[in-house]
Amino acid sequence: MLSDHIAQIAKAQIYASEPQRFKMITQDSFVMTGHHHDHTIRRNGCGWKCSCAYFRSTEPIYHACAHIIALEWIFGSQTGVVADPTATLE
């Protein structure tokens, strides 16, 4: 499961380098154009939620997916610490 999350971080680095994929709908809602599908990302009282399958299946563990991570790198975090998208994985 950890390797899946590491892959999500690598994917987020790609998405963060392509900010045109993200369209703000409201201050609390974005649509992200993915490789295969569009994903809706919404902020609620506890943080961000994404419509992607990865987020739905891992939300209790990670509370993030590549789409949310990239969104926070691009627009800044409203929910906590923002990771550095230029950091390398070791």
Protein backbone atom coordinates (compact mmCIF):
# COMPACT_ATOMS: atom_id res chain seq x y z
CA MET A 1 0.00 0.00 0.00
CA LEU A 2 2.86 2.42 0.75
CA SER A 3 4.30 1.83 -2.72
CA ASP A 4 0.93 2.86 -4.19
CA HIS A 5 1.05 6.12 -2.25
CA ILE A 6 4.64 6.78 -3.37
CA ALA A 7 3.43 6.31 -6.96
CA GLN A 8 0.66 8.87 -6.26
CA ILE A 9 3.28 11.40 -5.13
CA ALA A 10 5.29 10.83 -8.31
CA LYS A 11 2.10 11.28 -10.36
CA ALA A 12 1.34 14.48 -8.42
CA GLN A 13 4.72 15.89 -9.45
CA ILE A 14 3.69 15.47 -13.09
CA TYR A 15 0.27 17.04 -12.50
CA ALA A 16 1.81 19.95 -10.57
CA SER A 17 3.99 20.73 -13.59
CA GLU A 18 0.77 21.01 -15.66
CA PRO A 19 -1.40 23.52 -13.74
CA GLN A 20 -3.63 24.03 -16.78
CA ARG A 21 -5.22 20.66 -15.86
CA PHE A 22 -6.93 22.34 -12.86
CA LYS A 23 -9.99 24.53 -13.25
CA MET A 24 -11.41 26.36 -10.25
CA ILE A 25 -15.19 26.06 -10.08
CA THR A 26 -15.58 27.75 -6.68
CA GLN A 27 -13.11 28.54 -3.92
CA ASP A 28 -13.84 25.07 -2.53
CA SER A 29 -14.20 23.09 -5.75
CA PHE A 30 -11.94 22.23 -8.68
CA VAL A 31 -12.11 19.98 -11.71
CA MET A 32 -8.88 18.27 -12.67
CA THR A 33 -8.44 16.81 -16.13
CA GLY A 34 -6.73 13.45 -15.67
CA HIS A 35 -5.20 11.11 -18.22
CA HIS A 36 -8.40 9.06 -18.46
CA HIS A 37 -11.13 10.95 -16.57
CA ASP A 38 -11.96 14.32 -15.08
CA HIS A 39 -11.95 14.39 -11.28
CA THR A 40 -13.86 16.69 -8.97
CA ILE A 41 -11.96 17.89 -5.91
CA ARG A 42 -13.99 19.54 -3.16
CA ARG A 43 -13.06 20.97 0.20
CA ASN A 44 -15.19 20.16 3.21
CA GLY A 45 -14.66 20.93 6.89
CA CYS A 46 -12.01 18.22 7.25
CA GLY A 47 -9.95 18.79 4.11
CA TRP A 48 -10.13 17.90 0.44
CA LYS A 49 -12.05 15.01 -1.12
CA CYS A 50 -11.53 13.70 -4.65
CA SER A 51 -13.89 11.72 -6.85
CA CYS A 52 -11.13 9.36 -8.05
CA ALA A 53 -11.13 5.66 -7.20
CA TYR A 54 -7.75 5.81 -5.43
CA PHE A 55 -8.97 8.44 -2.98
CA ARG A 56 -12.21 6.58 -2.27
CA SER A 57 -10.34 3.35 -1.56
CA THR A 58 -7.58 4.85 0.61
CA GLU A 59 -9.21 7.87 2.27
CA PRO A 60 -9.16 6.39 5.80
CA ILE A 61 -5.40 5.81 5.48
CA TYR A 62 -3.87 8.64 3.43
CA HIS A 63 -6.56 11.35 3.05
CA ALA A 64 -4.97 12.29 -0.30
CA CYS A 65 -4.42 11.25 -3.89
CA ALA A 66 -2.25 12.57 -6.72
CA HIS A 67 -4.94 15.10 -7.64
CA ILE A 68 -5.21 16.58 -4.12
CA ILE A 69 -1.45 16.62 -3.60
CA ALA A 70 -0.88 18.45 -6.90
CA LEU A 71 -3.72 20.88 -6.16
CA GLU A 72 -2.13 21.81 -2.83
CA TRP A 73 1.30 22.22 -4.44
CA ILE A 74 -0.11 24.52 -7.13
CA PHE A 75 -2.61 26.59 -5.16
CA GLY A 76 -1.28 26.27 -1.61
CA SER A 77 -2.70 24.29 1.24
CA GLN A 78 -5.77 25.34 3.11
CA THR A 79 -5.66 22.18 5.20
CA GLY A 80 -2.12 21.69 6.47
CA VAL A 81 1.48 21.28 5.38
CA VAL A 82 2.34 21.66 1.69
CA ALA A 83 4.96 19.23 0.48
CA ASP A 84 7.76 20.31 -1.85
CA PRO A 85 7.02 19.06 -5.40
CA THR A 86 10.72 19.29 -6.29
CA ALA A 87 11.74 16.91 -3.50
CA THR A 88 13.15 13.60 -4.64
CA LEU A 89 11.96 10.27 -3.35
CA GLU A 90 14.66 8.08 -1.82
